[in-house]
C-alpha atoms as a PDB file:
ATOM      1  CA  MET A   1      -9.995-115.182  93.051  1.00  0.00           C
ATOM      2  CA  VAL A   2     -12.017-111.970  92.872  1.00  0.00           C
ATOM      3  CA  SER A   3     -11.523-109.482  95.684  1.00  0.00           C
ATOM      4  CA  ALA A   4     -14.570-108.636  97.783  1.00  0.00           C
ATOM      5  CA  ALA A   5     -13.525-105.008  97.475  1.00  0.00           C
ATOM      6  CA  ALA A   6     -13.604-104.831  93.697  1.00  0.00           C
ATOM      7  CA  PRO A   7     -13.663-101.396  92.113  1.00  0.00           C
ATOM      8  CA  ALA A   8     -17.043 -99.733  91.755  1.00  0.00           C
ATOM      9  CA  LYS A   9     -18.729 -99.643  88.341  1.00  0.00           C
ATOM     10  CA  TRP A  10     -20.540 -96.394  89.126  1.00  0.00           C
ATOM     11  CA  PRO A  11     -19.409 -93.551  91.408  1.00  0.00           C
ATOM     12  CA  SER A  12     -22.264 -93.953  93.895  1.00  0.00           C
ATOM     13  CA  ALA A  13     -20.448 -92.488  96.911  1.00  0.00           C
ATOM     14  CA  SER A  14     -19.220 -89.457  94.971  1.00  0.00           C
ATOM     15  CA  ALA A  15     -22.696 -88.815  93.587  1.00  0.00           C
ATOM     16  CA  ALA A  16     -24.320 -89.185  97.020  1.00  0.00           C
ATOM     17  CA  LEU A  17     -21.838 -86.785  98.615  1.00  0.00           C
ATOM     18  CA  ALA A  18     -22.326 -84.220  95.865  1.00  0.00           C
ATOM     19  CA  LEU A  19     -26.114 -84.543  96.098  1.00  0.00           C
ATOM     20  CA  ALA A  20     -26.018 -84.040  99.870  1.00  0.00           C
ATOM     21  CA  ALA A  21     -23.937 -80.872  99.482  1.00  0.00           C
ATOM     22  CA  LEU A  22     -26.272 -79.485  96.824  1.00  0.00           C
ATOM     23  CA  VAL A  23     -29.412 -80.259  98.831  1.00  0.00           C
ATOM     24  CA  LEU A  24     -27.933 -78.555 101.889  1.00  0.00           C
ATOM     25  CA  VAL A  25     -27.608 -75.310  99.928  1.00  0.00           C
ATOM     26  CA  TYR A  26     -31.372 -74.984 100.338  1.00  0.00           C
ATOM     27  CA  ALA A  27     -31.498 -76.156 103.942  1.00  0.00           C
ATOM     28  CA  PRO A  28     -32.755 -73.745 106.624  1.00  0.00           C
ATOM     29  CA  PRO A  29     -30.003 -71.401 107.839  1.00  0.00           C
ATOM     30  CA  GLU A  30     -30.323 -72.915 111.328  1.00  0.00           C
ATOM     31  CA  LEU A  31     -29.396 -76.359 109.973  1.00  0.00           C
ATOM     32  CA  ILE A  32     -26.477 -74.996 107.983  1.00  0.00           C
ATOM     33  CA  GLU A  33     -25.193 -73.237 111.107  1.00  0.00           C
ATOM     34  CA  LEU A  34     -25.565 -76.491 113.037  1.00  0.00           C
ATOM     35  CA  LEU A  35     -23.441 -78.384 110.492  1.00  0.00           C
ATOM     36  CA  ALA A  36     -20.719 -75.832 109.711  1.00  0.00           C
ATOM     37  CA  TYR A  37     -17.220 -76.083 111.145  1.00  0.00           C
ATOM     38  CA  ASP A  38     -17.473 -73.838 114.201  1.00  0.00           C
ATOM     39  CA  ARG A  39     -14.424 -73.765 116.433  1.00  0.00           C
ATOM     40  CA  GLN A  40     -16.182 -73.018 119.698  1.00  0.00           C
ATOM     41  CA  ALA A  41     -18.966 -75.517 119.024  1.00  0.00           C
ATOM     42  CA  ILE A  42     -16.450 -78.277 118.258  1.00  0.00           C
ATOM     43  CA  LEU A  43     -14.484 -77.529 121.418  1.00  0.00           C
ATOM     44  CA  SER A  44     -17.738 -77.763 123.370  1.00  0.00           C
ATOM     45  CA  GLY A  45     -18.255 -81.324 122.105  1.00  0.00           C
ATOM     46  CA  GLN A  46     -20.063 -81.021 118.752  1.00  0.00           C
ATOM     47  CA  TRP A  47     -17.615 -83.344 117.000  1.00  0.00           C
ATOM     48  CA  TRP A  48     -19.868 -84.094 114.027  1.00  0.00           C
ATOM     49  CA  ARG A  49     -18.880 -80.690 112.647  1.00  0.00           C
ATOM     50  CA  LEU A  50     -15.435 -82.114 111.817  1.00  0.00           C
ATOM     51  CA  TRP A  51     -17.193 -83.963 108.980  1.00  0.00           C
ATOM     52  CA  SER A  52     -20.380 -82.032 108.304  1.00  0.00           C
ATOM     53  CA  GLY A  53     -18.553 -78.720 107.904  1.00  0.00           C
ATOM     54  CA  HIS A  54     -17.278 -79.955 104.544  1.00  0.00           C
ATOM     55  CA  LEU A  55     -20.824 -80.448 103.254  1.00  0.00           C
ATOM     56  CA  VAL A  56     -22.170 -76.925 103.738  1.00  0.00           C
ATOM     57  CA  HIS A  57     -21.249 -73.885 101.669  1.00  0.00           C
ATOM     58  CA  TYR A  58     -21.524 -70.115 101.665  1.00  0.00           C
ATOM     59  CA  SER A  59     -23.535 -69.875  98.432  1.00  0.00           C
ATOM     60  CA  ALA A  60     -25.134 -71.970  95.711  1.00  0.00           C
ATOM     61  CA  TRP A  61     -22.318 -71.045  93.321  1.00  0.00           C
ATOM     62  CA  HIS A  62     -19.715 -72.044  95.907  1.00  0.00           C
ATOM     63  CA  ALA A  63     -21.437 -75.434  96.276  1.00  0.00           C
ATOM     64  CA  LEU A  64     -21.806 -75.890  92.520  1.00  0.00           C
ATOM     65  CA  ILE A  65     -18.094 -75.378  91.870  1.00  0.00           C
ATOM     66  CA  ASP A  66     -17.080 -77.700  94.721  1.00  0.00           C
ATOM     67  CA  THR A  67     -19.516 -80.468  93.769  1.00  0.00           C
ATOM     68  CA  GLY A  68     -18.560 -80.172  90.097  1.00  0.00           C
ATOM     69  CA  VAL A  69     -14.930 -80.934  90.913  1.00  0.00           C
ATOM     70  CA  LEU A  70     -16.031 -83.711  93.277  1.00  0.00           C
ATOM     71  CA  LEU A  71     -18.188 -85.383  90.617  1.00  0.00           C
ATOM     72  CA  LEU A  72     -15.542 -85.048  87.924  1.00  0.00           C
ATOM     73  CA  CYS A  73     -12.825 -86.633  90.061  1.00  0.00           C
ATOM     74  CA  GLY A  74     -15.183 -89.160  91.636  1.00  0.00           C
ATOM     75  CA  ALA A  75     -16.441 -90.365  88.251  1.00  0.00           C
ATOM     76  CA  VAL A  76     -12.857 -91.193  87.305  1.00  0.00           C
ATOM     77  CA  LEU A  77     -11.417 -92.262  90.651  1.00  0.00           C
ATOM     78  CA  GLU A  78     -14.150 -94.295  92.327  1.00  0.00           C
ATOM     79  CA  PRO A  79     -14.324 -96.949  89.565  1.00  0.00           C
ATOM     80  CA  LEU A  80     -10.534 -97.272  89.811  1.00  0.00           C
ATOM     81  CA  ILE A  81     -10.143 -97.723  93.577  1.00  0.00           C
ATOM     82  CA  GLY A  82     -13.569 -98.835  94.770  1.00  0.00           C
ATOM     83  CA  THR A  83     -16.306 -97.213  96.795  1.00  0.00           C
ATOM     84  CA  ARG A  84     -15.208 -98.564 100.186  1.00  0.00           C
ATOM     85  CA  ARG A  85     -11.682 -97.249  99.913  1.00  0.00           C
ATOM     86  CA  LEU A  86     -12.911 -93.887  98.666  1.00  0.00           C
ATOM     87  CA  CYS A  87     -15.335 -93.578 101.598  1.00  0.00           C
ATOM     88  CA  ARG A  88     -12.652 -94.551 104.113  1.00  0.00           C
ATOM     89  CA  THR A  89     -10.204 -92.015 102.728  1.00  0.00           C
ATOM     90  CA  LEU A  90     -12.789 -89.249 102.587  1.00  0.00           C
ATOM     91  CA  GLY A  91     -13.818 -90.062 106.164  1.00  0.00           C
ATOM     92  CA  TRP A  92     -10.412 -89.878 107.794  1.00  0.00           C
ATOM     93  CA  SER A  93      -9.223 -87.021 105.587  1.00  0.00           C
ATOM     94  CA  ALA A  94     -12.238 -84.843 106.440  1.00  0.00           C
ATOM     95  CA  ALA A  95     -11.502 -85.301 110.137  1.00  0.00           C
ATOM     96  CA  VAL A  96      -7.745 -84.730 109.730  1.00  0.00           C
ATOM     97  CA  VAL A  97      -8.279 -81.490 107.802  1.00  0.00           C
ATOM     98  CA  ALA A  98     -10.762 -80.149 110.357  1.00  0.00           C
ATOM     99  CA  LEU A  99      -8.646 -81.185 113.351  1.00  0.00           C
ATOM    100  CA  ALA A 100      -5.543 -79.622 111.827  1.00  0.00           C
ATOM    101  CA  LEU A 101      -7.443 -76.370 111.300  1.00  0.00           C
ATOM    102  CA  LEU A 102      -8.722 -76.579 114.868  1.00  0.00           C
ATOM    103  CA  LEU A 103      -5.249 -77.072 116.329  1.00  0.00           C
ATOM    104  CA  GLY A 104      -3.198 -75.005 113.932  1.00  0.00           C
ATOM    105  CA  LEU A 105      -5.447 -72.023 113.249  1.00  0.00           C
ATOM    106  CA  PRO A 106      -7.053 -70.896 116.502  1.00  0.00           C
ATOM    107  CA  ALA A 107      -8.148 -67.636 114.845  1.00  0.00           C
ATOM    108  CA  LEU A 108     -10.328 -69.524 112.350  1.00  0.00           C
ATOM    109  CA  GLN A 109     -13.828 -69.541 113.795  1.00  0.00           C
ATOM    110  CA  GLU A 110     -15.808 -70.949 110.843  1.00  0.00           C
ATOM    111  CA  TYR A 111     -15.117 -73.011 107.758  1.00  0.00           C
ATOM    112  CA  ARG A 112     -17.390 -74.445 105.079  1.00  0.00           C
ATOM    113  CA  GLY A 113     -16.909 -76.277 101.814  1.00  0.00           C
ATOM    114  CA  LEU A 114     -15.713 -79.349  99.963  1.00  0.00           C
ATOM    115  CA  SER A 115     -12.637 -77.736  98.430  1.00  0.00           C
ATOM    116  CA  ALA A 116     -10.138 -79.478 100.737  1.00  0.00           C
ATOM    117  CA  LEU A 117     -11.664 -82.835  99.826  1.00  0.00           C
ATOM    118  CA  ASP A 118     -11.655 -81.800  96.161  1.00  0.00           C
ATOM    119  CA  VAL A 119      -7.898 -81.259  96.367  1.00  0.00           C
ATOM    120  CA  LEU A 120      -7.615 -84.660  98.050  1.00  0.00           C
ATOM    121  CA  LEU A 121      -9.509 -86.312  95.178  1.00  0.00           C
ATOM    122  CA  VAL A 122      -7.460 -84.531  92.518  1.00  0.00           C
ATOM    123  CA  THR A 123      -4.272 -85.736  94.234  1.00  0.00           C
ATOM    124  CA  MET A 124      -5.612 -89.291  94.507  1.00  0.00           C
ATOM    125  CA  THR A 125      -6.644 -89.269  90.842  1.00  0.00           C
ATOM    126  CA  LEU A 126      -3.195 -88.142  89.734  1.00  0.00           C
ATOM    127  CA  THR A 127      -1.463 -90.797  91.845  1.00  0.00           C
ATOM    128  CA  ALA A 128      -3.869 -93.519  90.648  1.00  0.00           C
ATOM    129  CA  PHE A 129      -3.164 -92.571  87.032  1.00  0.00           C
ATOM    130  CA  TRP A 130       0.566 -92.567  87.796  1.00  0.00           C
ATOM    131  CA  ARG A 131       0.477 -96.077  89.271  1.00  0.00           C
ATOM    132  CA  GLN A 132      -1.732 -97.497  86.531  1.00  0.00           C
ATOM    133  CA  GLN A 133       0.020 -95.563  83.737  1.00  0.00           C
ATOM    134  CA  ARG A 134      -3.262 -94.354  82.289  1.00  0.00           C
ATOM    135  CA  LEU A 135      -1.784 -91.093  80.991  1.00  0.00           C
ATOM    136  CA  PRO A 136       1.694 -90.033  79.875  1.00  0.00           C
ATOM    137  CA  ARG A 137       3.598 -89.228  83.040  1.00  0.00           C
ATOM    138  CA  ARG A 138       4.688 -85.832  81.777  1.00  0.00           C
ATOM    139  CA  TRP A 139       1.020 -84.793  81.775  1.00  0.00           C
ATOM    140  CA  LEU A 140       0.584 -86.087  85.317  1.00  0.00           C
ATOM    141  CA  VAL A 141       3.675 -84.177  86.472  1.00  0.00           C
ATOM    142  CA  LEU A 142       2.252 -81.051  84.833  1.00  0.00           C
ATOM    143  CA  GLY A 143      -1.081 -81.595  86.596  1.00  0.00           C
ATOM    144  CA  ALA A 144       0.642 -82.041  89.952  1.00  0.00           C
ATOM    145  CA  ALA A 145       2.747 -78.928  89.390  1.00  0.00           C
ATOM    146  CA  MET A 146      -0.373 -76.893  88.578  1.00  0.00           C
ATOM    147  CA  LEU A 147      -2.056 -78.111  91.771  1.00  0.00           C
ATOM    148  CA  VAL A 148       0.958 -77.135  93.885  1.00  0.00           C
ATOM    149  CA  LEU A 149       1.273 -73.757  92.160  1.00  0.00           C
ATOM    150  CA  LYS A 150      -2.432 -73.054  92.677  1.00  0.00           C
ATOM    151  CA  THR A 151      -2.091 -73.737  96.406  1.00  0.00           C
ATOM    152  CA  ALA A 152       1.062 -71.613  96.598  1.00  0.00           C
ATOM    153  CA  ALA A 153      -0.692 -68.736  94.813  1.00  0.00           C
ATOM    154  CA  GLU A 154      -3.549 -68.950  97.313  1.00  0.00           C
ATOM    155  CA  ALA A 155      -1.056 -68.887 100.192  1.00  0.00           C
ATOM    156  CA  LEU A 156       0.532 -65.732  98.744  1.00  0.00           C
ATOM    157  CA  GLY A 157      -2.844 -64.066  98.331  1.00  0.00           C
ATOM    158  CA  LEU A 158      -2.597 -64.114  94.536  1.00  0.00           C
ATOM    159  CA  SER A 159      -5.765 -66.112  94.038  1.00  0.00           C
ATOM    160  CA  GLY A 160      -9.253 -65.278  95.209  1.00  0.00           C
ATOM    161  CA  SER A 161     -12.699 -66.714  94.632  1.00  0.00           C
ATOM    162  CA  SER A 162     -15.756 -64.948  93.278  1.00  0.00           C
ATOM    163  CA  THR A 163     -17.899 -67.777  94.676  1.00  0.00           C
ATOM    164  CA  LEU A 164     -17.368 -66.611  98.266  1.00  0.00           C
ATOM    165  CA  PRO A 165     -19.258 -63.796  99.954  1.00  0.00           C
ATOM    166  CA  GLN A 166     -17.469 -60.599 100.903  1.00  0.00           C
ATOM    167  CA  GLY A 167     -15.333 -61.093 103.990  1.00  0.00           C
ATOM    168  CA  VAL A 168     -14.889 -64.841 103.421  1.00  0.00           C
ATOM    169  CA  HIS A 169     -11.422 -65.818 102.213  1.00  0.00           C
ATOM    170  CA  VAL A 170     -10.002 -68.866 100.451  1.00  0.00           C
ATOM    171  CA  MET A 171      -8.539 -71.208 103.067  1.00  0.00           C
ATOM    172  CA  TRP A 172      -5.332 -72.246 101.353  1.00  0.00           C
ATOM    173  CA  GLN A 173      -4.340 -74.128 104.502  1.00  0.00           C
ATOM    174  CA  ALA A 174      -7.304 -76.479 104.022  1.00  0.00           C
ATOM    175  CA  HIS A 175      -6.299 -77.036 100.402  1.00  0.00           C
ATOM    176  CA  ALA A 176      -2.728 -77.787 101.453  1.00  0.00           C
ATOM    177  CA  LEU A 177      -4.047 -80.270 104.013  1.00  0.00           C
ATOM    178  CA  GLY A 178      -6.153 -81.944 101.326  1.00  0.00           C
ATOM    179  CA  LEU A 179      -3.038 -82.283  99.183  1.00  0.00           C
ATOM    180  CA  LEU A 180      -1.127 -83.738 102.141  1.00  0.00           C
ATOM    181  CA  CYS A 181      -3.883 -86.274 102.843  1.00  0.00           C
ATOM    182  CA  GLY A 182      -3.800 -87.331  99.192  1.00  0.00           C
ATOM    183  CA  LEU A 183      -0.050 -87.904  99.423  1.00  0.00           C
ATOM    184  CA  LEU A 184      -0.474 -89.864 102.665  1.00  0.00           C
ATOM    185  CA  ASP A 185      -3.049 -92.041 100.942  1.00  0.00           C
ATOM    186  CA  ALA A 186      -0.627 -92.660  98.082  1.00  0.00           C
ATOM    187  CA  VAL A 187       2.199 -93.642 100.435  1.00  0.00           C
ATOM    188  CA  PHE A 188       0.401 -95.629 103.123  1.00  0.00           C
ATOM    189  CA  VAL A 189      -2.726 -96.975 101.403  1.00  0.00           C
ATOM    190  CA  SER A 190      -2.197 -97.229  97.650  1.00  0.00           C
ATOM    191  CA  ALA A 191       1.242 -98.812  98.035  1.00  0.00           C
ATOM    192  CA  ARG A 192       0.040-101.448 100.520  1.00  0.00           C
ATOM    193  CA  PRO A 193      -0.275-104.904  98.932  1.00  0.00           C
ATOM    194  CA  GLN A 194      -3.669-106.556  99.211  1.00  0.00           C
ATOM    195  CA  ALA A 195      -3.931-110.262 100.059  1.00  0.00           C
ATOM    196  CA  GLY A 196      -5.705-112.281  97.408  1.00  0.00           C
ATOM    197  CA  SER A 197      -5.906-109.473  94.889  1.00  0.00           C
ATOM    198  CA  ASP A 198      -3.683-107.298  92.775  1.00  0.00           C
ATOM    199  CA  LEU A 199      -6.031-104.372  93.349  1.00  0.00           C
ATOM    200  CA  ALA A 200      -5.130-101.526  95.674  1.00  0.00           C
ATOM    201  CA  ILE A 201      -8.234-100.750  97.696  1.00  0.00           C
END
């Protein structure tokens, strides 16, 4: 019996998300401000910013780097796990990252970018490859170690980004939250058996 949630043949959700982020680079500044993560606006009831803040960026180069990683991971991952599961994970992870920033970093007034979700997708790709044994596991361990070291370097202030305007800093906390969401997906979603199918969706 074929599962109704069979893996996607083409990364449609990843492509649509990347396209939306790229189009928004050229949106009017008023629209970008309306969509960005803004602490005070969220606390006043503008909850859509928990999701839309990930779609807007500080510059075209910032958006290009973020969407490039998104497309690269999405092209590999979405055919493996399916579009519906990818969309669900991106949906709850975007909200979890933004809420954690809201609760844990009261000094953070604004946040923009897909980088936390990029880290999520990299983590999900590594765990999917691990489960399906698509690459030698030593390479996957090396990839995971590099991801952790990159986040640690950002936390120590040893890594910056030339794609961000002056005065805007890399939010390593958001990257760490993306990594955590990827691990939660691996533990609570990927490992869950699916009735009627041997596919994890």
